[in-house]
Amino acid sequence: MKNDRDTMVSRCSASVNLSVSVSYADRNMTMYDSEDKMEYVFGHVSEDLDRDVEVTAEVTILWEDPANYVVERTVINDGDSISVYVDEDAETNWK
């Protein structure tokens, strides 16, 4: 934690639970036409996912008056994207 006179910056890590609904092309119902060089999708898979993701957080607080502080800035995961895999083994098996 860094503290300048009027600003305090706090960094922490957290486990965040994400509940998302995804839909993607069903690879068993997809055909590739080599003449047209096109992929045709005839079905989709829909799933509800529940995942725990580890992230970092940085909160900058403007501290001019301790009784009335203001959250000036919040950065989650150092500004990077958060990846969620449909197949939990995909991240370690992806090449």
PDB file of N, CA and C in Angstrom:
ATOM      1  N   MET A   1       0.844  -1.170   0.000  1.00  0.00           N
ATOM      2  CA  MET A   1       0.000   0.000   0.000  1.00  0.00           C
ATOM      3  C   MET A   1       0.892   1.236   0.000  1.00  0.00           C
ATOM      4  N   LYS A   2       0.616   2.186  -0.889  1.00  0.00           N
ATOM      5  CA  LYS A   2       1.366   3.435  -0.994  1.00  0.00           C
ATOM      6  C   LYS A   2       0.466   4.567  -0.506  1.00  0.00           C
ATOM      7  N   ASN A   3       1.020   5.475   0.270  1.00  0.00           N
ATOM      8  CA  ASN A   3       0.210   6.566   0.795  1.00  0.00           C
ATOM      9  C   ASN A   3       0.953   7.882   0.620  1.00  0.00           C
ATOM     10  N   ASP A   4       0.469   8.722  -0.307  1.00  0.00           N
ATOM     11  CA  ASP A   4       0.944  10.095  -0.411  1.00  0.00           C
ATOM     12  C   ASP A   4       0.008  10.923   0.462  1.00  0.00           C
ATOM     13  N   ARG A   5       0.290  12.201   0.604  1.00  0.00           N
ATOM     14  CA  ARG A   5      -0.510  13.024   1.503  1.00  0.00           C
ATOM     15  C   ARG A   5      -2.007  12.928   1.260  1.00  0.00           C
ATOM     16  N   ASP A   6      -2.425  13.083   0.016  1.00  0.00           N
ATOM     17  CA  ASP A   6      -3.857  13.137  -0.275  1.00  0.00           C
ATOM     18  C   ASP A   6      -4.369  11.910  -1.025  1.00  0.00           C
ATOM     19  N   THR A   7      -3.476  10.956  -1.308  1.00  0.00           N
ATOM     20  CA  THR A   7      -3.872   9.803  -2.111  1.00  0.00           C
ATOM     21  C   THR A   7      -3.374   8.518  -1.461  1.00  0.00           C
ATOM     22  N   MET A   8      -4.199   7.523  -1.464  1.00  0.00           N
ATOM     23  CA  MET A   8      -3.801   6.210  -0.980  1.00  0.00           C
ATOM     24  C   MET A   8      -4.085   5.200  -2.094  1.00  0.00           C
ATOM     25  N   VAL A   9      -3.099   4.342  -2.392  1.00  0.00           N
ATOM     26  CA  VAL A   9      -3.261   3.294  -3.403  1.00  0.00           C
ATOM     27  C   VAL A   9      -3.147   1.953  -2.703  1.00  0.00           C
ATOM     28  N   SER A  10      -4.144   1.129  -2.876  1.00  0.00           N
ATOM     29  CA  SER A  10      -4.166  -0.189  -2.250  1.00  0.00           C
ATOM     30  C   SER A  10      -4.265  -1.256  -3.338  1.00  0.00           C
ATOM     31  N   ARG A  11      -3.394  -2.288  -3.260  1.00  0.00           N
ATOM     32  CA  ARG A  11      -3.439  -3.414  -4.212  1.00  0.00           C
ATOM     33  C   ARG A  11      -3.800  -4.671  -3.448  1.00  0.00           C
ATOM     34  N   CYS A  12      -4.624  -5.498  -4.073  1.00  0.00           N
ATOM     35  CA  CYS A  12      -5.004  -6.761  -3.446  1.00  0.00           C
ATOM     36  C   CYS A  12      -5.330  -7.770  -4.544  1.00  0.00           C
ATOM     37  N   SER A  13      -5.475  -9.008  -4.146  1.00  0.00           N
ATOM     38  CA  SER A  13      -5.927 -10.032  -5.084  1.00  0.00           C
ATOM     39  C   SER A  13      -7.219 -10.609  -4.535  1.00  0.00           C
ATOM     40  N   ALA A  14      -8.023 -11.144  -5.444  1.00  0.00           N
ATOM     41  CA  ALA A  14      -9.325 -11.659  -5.037  1.00  0.00           C
ATOM     42  C   ALA A  14      -9.737 -12.811  -5.928  1.00  0.00           C
ATOM     43  N   SER A  15     -10.589 -13.631  -5.388  1.00  0.00           N
ATOM     44  CA  SER A  15     -11.211 -14.696  -6.164  1.00  0.00           C
ATOM     45  C   SER A  15     -12.615 -14.210  -6.515  1.00  0.00           C
ATOM     46  N   VAL A  16     -12.902 -14.120  -7.817  1.00  0.00           N
ATOM     47  CA  VAL A  16     -14.182 -13.595  -8.288  1.00  0.00           C
ATOM     48  C   VAL A  16     -14.979 -14.738  -8.899  1.00  0.00           C
ATOM     49  N   ASN A  17     -16.236 -14.851  -8.518  1.00  0.00           N
ATOM     50  CA  ASN A  17     -17.099 -15.866  -9.094  1.00  0.00           C
ATOM     51  C   ASN A  17     -17.850 -15.260 -10.272  1.00  0.00           C
ATOM     52  N   LEU A  18     -17.747 -15.900 -11.444  1.00  0.00           N
ATOM     53  CA  LEU A  18     -18.432 -15.449 -12.648  1.00  0.00           C
ATOM     54  C   LEU A  18     -19.483 -16.470 -13.047  1.00  0.00           C
ATOM     55  N   SER A  19     -20.673 -16.004 -13.324  1.00  0.00           N
ATOM     56  CA  SER A  19     -21.731 -16.849 -13.872  1.00  0.00           C
ATOM     57  C   SER A  19     -22.074 -16.271 -15.232  1.00  0.00           C
ATOM     58  N   VAL A  20     -21.840 -17.052 -16.282  1.00  0.00           N
ATOM     59  CA  VAL A  20     -22.052 -16.558 -17.644  1.00  0.00           C
ATOM     60  C   VAL A  20     -22.802 -17.596 -18.475  1.00  0.00           C
ATOM     61  N   SER A  21     -23.505 -17.103 -19.482  1.00  0.00           N
ATOM     62  CA  SER A  21     -24.155 -17.972 -20.460  1.00  0.00           C
ATOM     63  C   SER A  21     -23.405 -17.812 -21.769  1.00  0.00           C
ATOM     64  N   VAL A  22     -23.027 -18.928 -22.394  1.00  0.00           N
ATOM     65  CA  VAL A  22     -22.281 -18.875 -23.648  1.00  0.00           C
ATOM     66  C   VAL A  22     -22.999 -19.711 -24.704  1.00  0.00           C
ATOM     67  N   SER A  23     -22.760 -19.341 -25.948  1.00  0.00           N
ATOM     68  CA  SER A  23     -23.274 -20.098 -27.087  1.00  0.00           C
ATOM     69  C   SER A  23     -22.166 -20.129 -28.126  1.00  0.00           C
ATOM     70  N   TYR A  24     -21.917 -21.309 -28.696  1.00  0.00           N
ATOM     71  CA  TYR A  24     -20.849 -21.438 -29.681  1.00  0.00           C
ATOM     72  C   TYR A  24     -21.211 -22.520 -30.696  1.00  0.00           C
ATOM     73  N   ALA A  25     -20.505 -22.505 -31.823  1.00  0.00           N
ATOM     74  CA  ALA A  25     -20.772 -23.460 -32.901  1.00  0.00           C
ATOM     75  C   ALA A  25     -20.505 -24.881 -32.425  1.00  0.00           C
ATOM     76  N   ASP A  26     -21.437 -25.779 -32.676  1.00  0.00           N
ATOM     77  CA  ASP A  26     -21.266 -27.198 -32.346  1.00  0.00           C
ATOM     78  C   ASP A  26     -20.357 -27.816 -33.414  1.00  0.00           C
ATOM     79  N   ARG A  27     -19.146 -28.222 -33.016  1.00  0.00           N
ATOM     80  CA  ARG A  27     -18.179 -28.779 -33.977  1.00  0.00           C
ATOM     81  C   ARG A  27     -18.695 -30.066 -34.618  1.00  0.00           C
ATOM     82  N   ASN A  28     -19.628 -30.768 -33.966  1.00  0.00           N
ATOM     83  CA  ASN A  28     -20.206 -31.982 -34.541  1.00  0.00           C
ATOM     84  C   ASN A  28     -21.273 -31.673 -35.581  1.00  0.00           C
ATOM     85  N   MET A  29     -21.701 -30.426 -35.660  1.00  0.00           N
ATOM     86  CA  MET A  29     -22.720 -30.020 -36.631  1.00  0.00           C
ATOM     87  C   MET A  29     -22.185 -28.904 -37.530  1.00  0.00           C
ATOM     88  N   THR A  30     -20.891 -28.979 -37.831  1.00  0.00           N
ATOM     89  CA  THR A  30     -20.235 -27.988 -38.676  1.00  0.00           C
ATOM     90  C   THR A  30     -19.592 -28.688 -39.867  1.00  0.00           C
ATOM     91  N   MET A  31     -19.731 -28.081 -41.028  1.00  0.00           N
ATOM     92  CA  MET A  31     -19.172 -28.665 -42.243  1.00  0.00           C
ATOM     93  C   MET A  31     -18.283 -27.624 -42.925  1.00  0.00           C
ATOM     94  N   TYR A  32     -17.142 -28.075 -43.442  1.00  0.00           N
ATOM     95  CA  TYR A  32     -16.241 -27.195 -44.191  1.00  0.00           C
ATOM     96  C   TYR A  32     -16.315 -27.579 -45.651  1.00  0.00           C
ATOM     97  N   ASP A  33     -16.636 -26.614 -46.507  1.00  0.00           N
ATOM     98  CA  ASP A  33     -16.698 -26.841 -47.947  1.00  0.00           C
ATOM     99  C   ASP A  33     -15.366 -26.396 -48.535  1.00  0.00           C
ATOM    100  N   SER A  34     -14.551 -27.363 -48.971  1.00  0.00           N
ATOM    101  CA  SER A  34     -13.213 -27.048 -49.482  1.00  0.00           C
ATOM    102  C   SER A  34     -13.258 -26.281 -50.805  1.00  0.00           C
ATOM    103  N   GLU A  35     -14.339 -26.425 -51.580  1.00  0.00           N
ATOM    104  CA  GLU A  35     -14.449 -25.670 -52.835  1.00  0.00           C
ATOM    105  C   GLU A  35     -14.727 -24.191 -52.560  1.00  0.00           C
ATOM    106  N   ASP A  36     -15.667 -23.942 -51.664  1.00  0.00           N
ATOM    107  CA  ASP A  36     -16.016 -22.560 -51.314  1.00  0.00           C
ATOM    108  C   ASP A  36     -15.072 -21.961 -50.275  1.00  0.00           C
ATOM    109  N   LYS A  37     -14.307 -22.855 -49.614  1.00  0.00           N
ATOM    110  CA  LYS A  37     -13.448 -22.451 -48.508  1.00  0.00           C
ATOM    111  C   LYS A  37     -14.273 -21.728 -47.419  1.00  0.00           C
ATOM    112  N   MET A  38     -15.441 -22.315 -47.151  1.00  0.00           N
ATOM    113  CA  MET A  38     -16.362 -21.751 -46.164  1.00  0.00           C
ATOM    114  C   MET A  38     -16.739 -22.827 -45.153  1.00  0.00           C
ATOM    115  N   GLU A  39     -16.987 -22.389 -43.943  1.00  0.00           N
ATOM    116  CA  GLU A  39     -17.462 -23.286 -42.897  1.00  0.00           C
ATOM    117  C   GLU A  39     -18.948 -23.009 -42.686  1.00  0.00           C
ATOM    118  N   TYR A  40     -19.742 -24.075 -42.645  1.00  0.00           N
ATOM    119  CA  TYR A  40     -21.184 -23.958 -42.456  1.00  0.00           C
ATOM    120  C   TYR A  40     -21.560 -24.583 -41.122  1.00  0.00           C
ATOM    121  N   VAL A  41     -22.260 -23.808 -40.296  1.00  0.00           N
ATOM    122  CA  VAL A  41     -22.654 -24.255 -38.969  1.00  0.00           C
ATOM    123  C   VAL A  41     -24.147 -24.556 -38.976  1.00  0.00           C
ATOM    124  N   PHE A  42     -24.512 -25.770 -38.540  1.00  0.00           N
ATOM    125  CA  PHE A  42     -25.912 -26.193 -38.539  1.00  0.00           C
ATOM    126  C   PHE A  42     -26.480 -26.328 -37.122  1.00  0.00           C
ATOM    127  N   GLY A  43     -25.685 -26.048 -36.120  1.00  0.00           N
ATOM    128  CA  GLY A  43     -26.170 -26.124 -34.740  1.00  0.00           C
ATOM    129  C   GLY A  43     -25.223 -25.434 -33.782  1.00  0.00           C
ATOM    130  N   HIS A  44     -25.751 -25.042 -32.656  1.00  0.00           N
ATOM    131  CA  HIS A  44     -24.968 -24.362 -31.622  1.00  0.00           C
ATOM    132  C   HIS A  44     -25.140 -25.067 -30.284  1.00  0.00           C
ATOM    133  N   VAL A  45     -24.171 -24.887 -29.419  1.00  0.00           N
ATOM    134  CA  VAL A  45     -24.215 -25.401 -28.053  1.00  0.00           C
ATOM    135  C   VAL A  45     -24.384 -24.199 -27.128  1.00  0.00           C
ATOM    136  N   SER A  46     -25.298 -24.298 -26.187  1.00  0.00           N
ATOM    137  CA  SER A  46     -25.492 -23.250 -25.189  1.00  0.00           C
ATOM    138  C   SER A  46     -25.214 -23.850 -23.820  1.00  0.00           C
ATOM    139  N   GLU A  47     -24.454 -23.124 -23.010  1.00  0.00           N
ATOM    140  CA  GLU A  47     -24.102 -23.596 -21.675  1.00  0.00           C
ATOM    141  C   GLU A  47     -24.119 -22.435 -20.695  1.00  0.00           C
ATOM    142  N   ASP A  48     -24.438 -22.760 -19.458  1.00  0.00           N
ATOM    143  CA  ASP A  48     -24.290 -21.813 -18.347  1.00  0.00           C
ATOM    144  C   ASP A  48     -23.046 -22.233 -17.580  1.00  0.00           C
ATOM    145  N   LEU A  49     -22.133 -21.292 -17.384  1.00  0.00           N
ATOM    146  CA  LEU A  49     -20.864 -21.592 -16.720  1.00  0.00           C
ATOM    147  C   LEU A  49     -20.793 -20.886 -15.375  1.00  0.00           C
ATOM    148  N   ASP A  50     -20.167 -21.543 -14.435  1.00  0.00           N
ATOM    149  CA  ASP A  50     -19.912 -20.969 -13.122  1.00  0.00           C
ATOM    150  C   ASP A  50     -18.423 -21.174 -12.845  1.00  0.00           C
ATOM    151  N   ARG A  51     -17.649 -20.091 -12.860  1.00  0.00           N
ATOM    152  CA  ARG A  51     -16.201 -20.191 -12.718  1.00  0.00           C
ATOM    153  C   ARG A  51     -15.690 -19.240 -11.649  1.00  0.00           C
ATOM    154  N   ASP A  52     -14.618 -19.641 -10.975  1.00  0.00           N
ATOM    155  CA  ASP A  52     -13.891 -18.769 -10.058  1.00  0.00           C
ATOM    156  C   ASP A  52     -12.615 -18.333 -10.758  1.00  0.00           C
ATOM    157  N   VAL A  53     -12.355 -17.028 -10.767  1.00  0.00           N
ATOM    158  CA  VAL A  53     -11.198 -16.454 -11.457  1.00  0.00           C
ATOM    159  C   VAL A  53     -10.410 -15.619 -10.453  1.00  0.00           C
ATOM    160  N   GLU A  54      -9.093 -15.793 -10.443  1.00  0.00           N
ATOM    161  CA  GLU A  54      -8.224 -14.987  -9.585  1.00  0.00           C
ATOM    162  C   GLU A  54      -7.861 -13.696 -10.324  1.00  0.00           C
ATOM    163  N   VAL A  55      -8.072 -12.555  -9.685  1.00  0.00           N
ATOM    164  CA  VAL A  55      -7.755 -11.258 -10.286  1.00  0.00           C
ATOM    165  C   VAL A  55      -7.011 -10.394  -9.267  1.00  0.00           C
ATOM    166  N   THR A  56      -6.377  -9.331  -9.766  1.00  0.00           N
ATOM    167  CA  THR A  56      -5.785  -8.327  -8.884  1.00  0.00           C
ATOM    168  C   THR A  56      -6.643  -7.070  -8.983  1.00  0.00           C
ATOM    169  N   ALA A  57      -6.587  -6.255  -7.952  1.00  0.00           N
ATOM    170  CA  ALA A  57      -7.323  -4.991  -7.957  1.00  0.00           C
ATOM    171  C   ALA A  57      -6.430  -3.909  -7.381  1.00  0.00           C
ATOM    172  N   GLU A  58      -6.494  -2.742  -7.982  1.00  0.00           N
ATOM    173  CA  GLU A  58      -5.781  -1.573  -7.474  1.00  0.00           C
ATOM    174  C   GLU A  58      -6.797  -0.454  -7.317  1.00  0.00           C
ATOM    175  N   VAL A  59      -6.920   0.067  -6.108  1.00  0.00           N
ATOM    176  CA  VAL A  59      -7.887   1.117  -5.811  1.00  0.00           C
ATOM    177  C   VAL A  59      -7.124   2.363  -5.362  1.00  0.00           C
ATOM    178  N   THR A  60      -7.388   3.475  -6.034  1.00  0.00           N
ATOM    179  CA  THR A  60      -6.777   4.752  -5.665  1.00  0.00           C
ATOM    180  C   THR A  60      -7.847   5.593  -4.967  1.00  0.00           C
ATOM    181  N   ILE A  61      -7.545   6.016  -3.747  1.00  0.00           N
ATOM    182  CA  ILE A  61      -8.505   6.774  -2.945  1.00  0.00           C
ATOM    183  C   ILE A  61      -7.952   8.175  -2.697  1.00  0.00           C
ATOM    184  N   LEU A  62      -8.757   9.182  -3.003  1.00  0.00           N
ATOM    185  CA  LEU A  62      -8.416  10.572  -2.728  1.00  0.00           C
ATOM    186  C   LEU A  62      -8.814  10.843  -1.285  1.00  0.00           C
ATOM    187  N   TRP A  63      -7.836  11.223  -0.459  1.00  0.00           N
ATOM    188  CA  TRP A  63      -7.986  11.246   0.990  1.00  0.00           C
ATOM    189  C   TRP A  63      -7.810  12.661   1.539  1.00  0.00           C
ATOM    190  N   GLU A  64      -8.381  13.675   0.880  1.00  0.00           N
ATOM    191  CA  GLU A  64      -8.206  15.054   1.337  1.00  0.00           C
ATOM    192  C   GLU A  64      -8.819  15.258   2.714  1.00  0.00           C
ATOM    193  N   ASP A  65      -9.981  14.665   2.938  1.00  0.00           N
ATOM    194  CA  ASP A  65     -10.661  14.778   4.225  1.00  0.00           C
ATOM    195  C   ASP A  65     -11.026  13.352   4.648  1.00  0.00           C
ATOM    196  N   PRO A  66     -10.368  12.800   5.694  1.00  0.00           N
ATOM    197  CA  PRO A  66     -10.607  11.408   6.085  1.00  0.00           C
ATOM    198  C   PRO A  66     -12.075  11.045   6.290  1.00  0.00           C
ATOM    199  N   ALA A  67     -12.895  12.014   6.672  1.00  0.00           N
ATOM    200  CA  ALA A  67     -14.313  11.718   6.872  1.00  0.00           C
ATOM    201  C   ALA A  67     -15.062  11.606   5.545  1.00  0.00           C
ATOM    202  N   ASN A  68     -14.498  12.182   4.469  1.00  0.00           N
ATOM    203  CA  ASN A  68     -15.170  12.191   3.163  1.00  0.00           C
ATOM    204  C   ASN A  68     -14.190  11.813   2.060  1.00  0.00           C
ATOM    205  N   TYR A  69     -13.775  10.574   2.049  1.00  0.00           N
ATOM    206  CA  TYR A  69     -12.833  10.148   1.012  1.00  0.00           C
ATOM    207  C   TYR A  69     -13.581   9.816  -0.280  1.00  0.00           C
ATOM    208  N   VAL A  70     -12.844   9.816  -1.402  1.00  0.00           N
ATOM    209  CA  VAL A  70     -13.416   9.553  -2.728  1.00  0.00           C
ATOM    210  C   VAL A  70     -12.587   8.476  -3.406  1.00  0.00           C
ATOM    211  N   VAL A  71     -13.248   7.440  -3.924  1.00  0.00           N
ATOM    212  CA  VAL A  71     -12.551   6.446  -4.733  1.00  0.00           C
ATOM    213  C   VAL A  71     -12.321   7.093  -6.089  1.00  0.00           C
ATOM    214  N   GLU A  72     -11.053   7.345  -6.370  1.00  0.00           N
ATOM    215  CA  GLU A  72     -10.686   8.097  -7.573  1.00  0.00           C
ATOM    216  C   GLU A  72     -10.507   7.187  -8.785  1.00  0.00           C
ATOM    217  N   ARG A  73     -10.032   5.961  -8.559  1.00  0.00           N
ATOM    218  CA  ARG A  73      -9.716   5.079  -9.689  1.00  0.00           C
ATOM    219  C   ARG A  73      -9.691   3.643  -9.198  1.00  0.00           C
ATOM    220  N   THR A  74     -10.200   2.717 -10.024  1.00  0.00           N
ATOM    221  CA  THR A  74     -10.128   1.289  -9.737  1.00  0.00           C
ATOM    222  C   THR A  74      -9.659   0.570 -10.996  1.00  0.00           C
ATOM    223  N   VAL A  75      -8.643  -0.276 -10.863  1.00  0.00           N
ATOM    224  CA  VAL A  75      -8.132  -1.051 -11.995  1.00  0.00           C
ATOM    225  C   VAL A  75      -8.207  -2.527 -11.603  1.00  0.00           C
ATOM    226  N   ILE A  76      -8.881  -3.307 -12.419  1.00  0.00           N
ATOM    227  CA  ILE A  76      -9.013  -4.742 -12.168  1.00  0.00           C
ATOM    228  C   ILE A  76      -8.087  -5.497 -13.121  1.00  0.00           C
ATOM    229  N   ASN A  77      -7.358  -6.463 -12.579  1.00  0.00           N
ATOM    230  CA  ASN A  77      -6.491  -7.350 -13.369  1.00  0.00           C
ATOM    231  C   ASN A  77      -5.462  -6.575 -14.186  1.00  0.00           C
ATOM    232  N   ASP A  78      -4.940  -5.500 -13.617  1.00  0.00           N
ATOM    233  CA  ASP A  78      -3.944  -4.640 -14.285  1.00  0.00           C
ATOM    234  C   ASP A  78      -4.418  -4.147 -15.652  1.00  0.00           C
ATOM    235  N   GLY A  79      -5.731  -4.063 -15.842  1.00  0.00           N
ATOM    236  CA  GLY A  79      -6.295  -3.593 -17.105  1.00  0.00           C
ATOM    237  C   GLY A  79      -6.346  -4.656 -18.187  1.00  0.00           C
ATOM    238  N   ASP A  80      -5.873  -5.869 -17.886  1.00  0.00           N
ATOM    239  CA  ASP A  80      -5.893  -6.958 -18.870  1.00  0.00           C
ATOM    240  C   ASP A  80      -7.261  -7.631 -18.904  1.00  0.00           C
ATOM    241  N   SER A  81      -7.526  -8.346 -19.990  1.00  0.00           N
ATOM    242  CA  SER A  81      -8.769  -9.100 -20.115  1.00  0.00           C
ATOM    243  C   SER A  81      -8.793 -10.255 -19.128  1.00  0.00           C
ATOM    244  N   ILE A  82      -9.981 -10.700 -18.815  1.00  0.00           N
ATOM    245  CA  ILE A  82     -10.166 -11.883 -17.984  1.00  0.00           C
ATOM    246  C   ILE A  82     -10.667 -12.982 -18.892  1.00  0.00           C
ATOM    247  N   SER A  83      -9.934 -14.104 -18.965  1.00  0.00           N
ATOM    248  CA  SER A  83     -10.307 -15.217 -19.837  1.00  0.00           C
ATOM    249  C   SER A  83     -11.065 -16.270 -19.043  1.00  0.00           C
ATOM    250  N   VAL A  84     -12.152 -16.739 -19.631  1.00  0.00           N
ATOM    251  CA  VAL A  84     -12.941 -17.818 -19.048  1.00  0.00           C
ATOM    252  C   VAL A  84     -13.072 -18.889 -20.115  1.00  0.00           C
ATOM    253  N   TYR A  85     -12.705 -20.108 -19.784  1.00  0.00           N
ATOM    254  CA  TYR A  85     -12.748 -21.206 -20.739  1.00  0.00           C
ATOM    255  C   TYR A  85     -13.995 -22.049 -20.526  1.00  0.00           C
ATOM    256  N   VAL A  86     -14.669 -22.409 -21.633  1.00  0.00           N
ATOM    257  CA  VAL A  86     -15.834 -23.283 -21.555  1.00  0.00           C
ATOM    258  C   VAL A  86     -15.386 -24.640 -21.035  1.00  0.00           C
ATOM    259  N   ASP A  87     -14.313 -25.154 -21.607  1.00  0.00           N
ATOM    260  CA  ASP A  87     -13.718 -26.411 -21.159  1.00  0.00           C
ATOM    261  C   ASP A  87     -12.624 -26.050 -20.166  1.00  0.00           C
ATOM    262  N   GLU A  88     -12.809 -26.408 -18.906  1.00  0.00           N
ATOM    263  CA  GLU A  88     -11.842 -26.004 -17.883  1.00  0.00           C
ATOM    264  C   GLU A  88     -10.435 -26.522 -18.163  1.00  0.00           C
ATOM    265  N   ASP A  89     -10.292 -27.611 -18.946  1.00  0.00           N
ATOM    266  CA  ASP A  89      -8.974 -28.134 -19.297  1.00  0.00           C
ATOM    267  C   ASP A  89      -8.384 -27.429 -20.518  1.00  0.00           C
ATOM    268  N   ALA A  90      -9.175 -26.600 -21.194  1.00  0.00           N
ATOM    269  CA  ALA A  90      -8.720 -25.979 -22.441  1.00  0.00           C
ATOM    270  C   ALA A  90      -7.509 -25.084 -22.238  1.00  0.00           C
ATOM    271  N   GLU A  91      -7.453 -24.368 -21.149  1.00  0.00           N
ATOM    272  CA  GLU A  91      -6.339 -23.450 -20.923  1.00  0.00           C
ATOM    273  C   GLU A  91      -5.022 -24.190 -20.862  1.00  0.00           C
ATOM    274  N   THR A  92      -4.966 -25.332 -20.203  1.00  0.00           N
ATOM    275  CA  THR A  92      -3.716 -26.061 -20.081  1.00  0.00           C
ATOM    276  C   THR A  92      -3.428 -26.923 -21.309  1.00  0.00           C
ATOM    277  N   ASN A  93      -4.475 -27.273 -22.071  1.00  0.00           N
ATOM    278  CA  ASN A  93      -4.279 -28.127 -23.241  1.00  0.00           C
ATOM    279  C   ASN A  93      -4.192 -27.351 -24.555  1.00  0.00           C
ATOM    280  N   TRP A  94      -4.466 -26.039 -24.522  1.00  0.00           N
ATOM    281  CA  TRP A  94      -4.457 -25.251 -25.744  1.00  0.00           C
ATOM    282  C   TRP A  94      -3.023 -25.087 -26.240  1.00  0.00           C
ATOM    283  N   LYS A  95      -2.813 -25.213 -27.559  1.00  0.00           N
ATOM    284  CA  LYS A  95      -1.464 -25.090 -28.137  1.00  0.00           C
ATOM    285  C   LYS A  95      -1.415 -23.935 -29.095  1.00  0.00           C
TER     286      LYS A  95
END
